Amino acid sequence: MTPAAHSAPSLPSALPEREKITPPEMIFFGLWSLFADIGEIVGALAWVIPIAGQGLWLLMAAFGMMTSAVIAIWLWFRGGSFGAAKKLVVFLIGSVFDSLMAGVLPLRTISLFVAVWIHNHPKLTALTAHVVKAGVVK
């Protein structure tokens, strides 16, 4: 076999600046996600109020689901040459765990920032996956 056949798999190159998620996008969607998480925490705490509390909880839960759907669609359309599916899966898993925890933890916001980091650092993400696959980190 030739030496080229034994070379390591190629890693994606760094994203051009125009493909990265910009700071204004991060701030806008991060604050929107944080606001939804805070609203869900307030809704969970208001649950003990007889009728208004349950209504507020339902309203905040619906707002949280809508927020997760809008951000997931934005992440999908934002695309990118590497990890479009990975960042969406990370965000969706975070949103599902956020829903399972009844919105008491800010998991949606945390998973959003992890998905943005994955999008903006494809070379490091691929290198990490390659190291784990090679069995260096167990």
Protein backbone atom coordinates (compact mmCIF):
# COMPACT_ATOMS: atom_id res chain seq x y z
CA MET A 1 0.00 0.00 0.00
CA THR A 2 1.11 3.52 -0.59
CA PRO A 3 1.88 5.90 2.29
CA ALA A 4 -1.19 7.95 1.34
CA ALA A 5 -3.43 4.98 2.14
CA HIS A 6 -2.20 5.00 5.76
CA SER A 7 -2.70 8.70 6.37
CA ALA A 8 -5.12 9.93 8.99
CA PRO A 9 -8.59 10.99 7.86
CA SER A 10 -8.71 14.56 6.73
CA LEU A 11 -10.20 17.05 9.13
CA PRO A 12 -12.47 19.82 7.89
CA SER A 13 -10.77 23.13 7.53
CA ALA A 14 -11.71 26.11 9.63
CA LEU A 15 -14.89 27.87 8.62
CA PRO A 16 -14.59 31.09 6.69
CA GLU A 17 -15.71 34.08 8.72
CA ARG A 18 -18.90 34.50 6.67
CA GLU A 19 -20.12 30.99 7.60
CA LYS A 20 -19.61 31.37 11.36
CA ILE A 21 -22.48 32.25 13.63
CA THR A 22 -21.98 35.93 14.39
CA PRO A 23 -22.01 37.53 17.86
CA PRO A 24 -25.29 39.40 17.21
CA GLU A 25 -26.96 36.08 16.32
CA MET A 26 -25.52 34.46 19.44
CA ILE A 27 -26.71 37.33 21.63
CA PHE A 28 -30.21 37.45 20.10
CA PHE A 29 -30.92 33.72 20.26
CA GLY A 30 -29.04 33.32 23.54
CA LEU A 31 -31.15 36.00 25.24
CA TRP A 32 -34.34 34.59 23.72
CA SER A 33 -33.44 31.13 25.00
CA LEU A 34 -32.45 32.48 28.41
CA PHE A 35 -35.72 34.42 28.65
CA ALA A 36 -37.67 31.22 27.83
CA ASP A 37 -35.70 29.27 30.46
CA ILE A 38 -36.31 31.94 33.11
CA GLY A 39 -40.00 32.00 32.16
CA GLU A 40 -40.23 28.24 32.61
CA ILE A 41 -38.58 28.49 36.04
CA VAL A 42 -41.04 31.22 37.07
CA GLY A 43 -43.92 29.12 35.68
CA ALA A 44 -42.77 26.09 37.67
CA LEU A 45 -42.56 28.17 40.84
CA ALA A 46 -45.99 29.70 40.19
CA TRP A 47 -47.59 26.26 39.90
CA VAL A 48 -48.73 26.42 43.54
CA ILE A 49 -51.06 29.37 42.86
CA PRO A 50 -54.45 27.73 42.26
CA ILE A 51 -55.62 28.82 38.78
CA ALA A 52 -53.32 31.61 37.63
CA GLY A 53 -50.24 29.55 38.45
CA GLN A 54 -51.28 26.63 36.27
CA GLY A 55 -52.18 29.06 33.47
CA LEU A 56 -48.81 30.79 33.74
CA TRP A 57 -47.02 27.43 33.76
CA LEU A 58 -48.89 26.32 30.64
CA LEU A 59 -48.18 29.63 28.90
CA MET A 60 -44.46 29.45 29.73
CA ALA A 61 -44.25 25.78 28.67
CA ALA A 62 -45.83 26.65 25.31
CA PHE A 63 -43.47 29.61 24.91
CA GLY A 64 -40.53 27.34 25.71
CA MET A 65 -41.58 24.76 23.11
CA MET A 66 -42.05 27.49 20.51
CA THR A 67 -38.62 28.91 21.34
CA SER A 68 -36.99 25.49 20.98
CA ALA A 69 -38.72 24.93 17.63
CA VAL A 70 -37.67 28.34 16.25
CA ILE A 71 -34.05 27.91 17.37
CA ALA A 72 -33.91 24.34 15.97
CA ILE A 73 -35.20 25.58 12.60
CA TRP A 74 -32.69 28.45 12.67
CA LEU A 75 -29.83 26.04 13.42
CA TRP A 76 -30.96 23.75 10.62
CA PHE A 77 -31.19 26.56 8.04
CA ARG A 78 -27.95 28.13 9.29
CA GLY A 79 -26.28 25.02 7.94
CA GLY A 80 -22.55 25.01 7.52
CA SER A 81 -20.21 22.68 5.76
CA PHE A 82 -19.58 20.52 8.84
CA GLY A 83 -21.71 19.35 11.70
CA ALA A 84 -25.09 20.69 10.62
CA ALA A 85 -26.72 17.55 11.95
CA LYS A 86 -24.45 17.35 15.01
CA LYS A 87 -25.28 20.82 16.29
CA LEU A 88 -28.99 20.25 15.69
CA VAL A 89 -28.89 16.92 17.56
CA VAL A 90 -27.02 18.54 20.47
CA PHE A 91 -29.62 21.30 20.70
CA LEU A 92 -32.57 18.92 20.40
CA ILE A 93 -31.18 16.60 23.09
CA GLY A 94 -30.70 19.62 25.36
CA SER A 95 -34.25 20.78 24.67
CA VAL A 96 -35.68 17.33 25.38
CA PHE A 97 -33.82 17.15 28.69
CA ASP A 98 -35.00 20.69 29.44
CA SER A 99 -38.59 19.56 28.89
CA LEU A 100 -38.07 16.42 31.00
CA MET A 101 -36.76 18.55 33.86
CA ALA A 102 -39.91 20.72 33.55
CA GLY A 103 -37.77 23.69 32.57
CA VAL A 104 -36.21 24.07 36.01
CA LEU A 105 -32.64 24.13 34.64
CA PRO A 106 -31.42 26.37 31.79
CA LEU A 107 -30.52 23.37 29.60
CA ARG A 108 -31.92 24.96 26.42
CA THR A 109 -29.55 27.91 26.73
CA ILE A 110 -26.56 25.69 27.56
CA SER A 111 -27.26 23.36 24.63
CA LEU A 112 -27.67 26.36 22.31
CA PHE A 113 -24.22 27.67 23.18
CA VAL A 114 -22.71 24.16 22.81
CA ALA A 115 -24.34 23.87 19.36
CA VAL A 116 -22.98 27.31 18.37
CA TRP A 117 -19.51 26.30 19.58
CA ILE A 118 -19.72 23.08 17.51
CA HIS A 119 -20.70 25.14 14.47
CA ASN A 120 -17.92 27.71 14.86
CA HIS A 121 -15.13 25.18 15.65
CA PRO A 122 -15.48 22.29 13.19
CA LYS A 123 -11.78 21.46 13.20
CA LEU A 124 -11.65 20.99 16.98
CA THR A 125 -14.92 19.05 16.97
CA ALA A 126 -13.66 16.68 14.28
CA LEU A 127 -10.34 16.26 16.07
CA THR A 128 -12.13 15.41 19.31
CA ALA A 129 -14.32 12.85 17.52
CA HIS A 130 -11.25 11.36 15.84
CA VAL A 131 -9.38 11.04 19.17
CA VAL A 132 -12.36 9.41 20.87
CA LYS A 133 -12.88 7.04 17.94
CA ALA A 134 -9.21 6.07 18.00
CA GLY A 135 -9.59 5.04 21.62
CA VAL A 136 -7.18 7.56 23.09
CA VAL A 137 -9.86 8.93 25.37
CA LYS A 138 -12.14 6.36 26.97
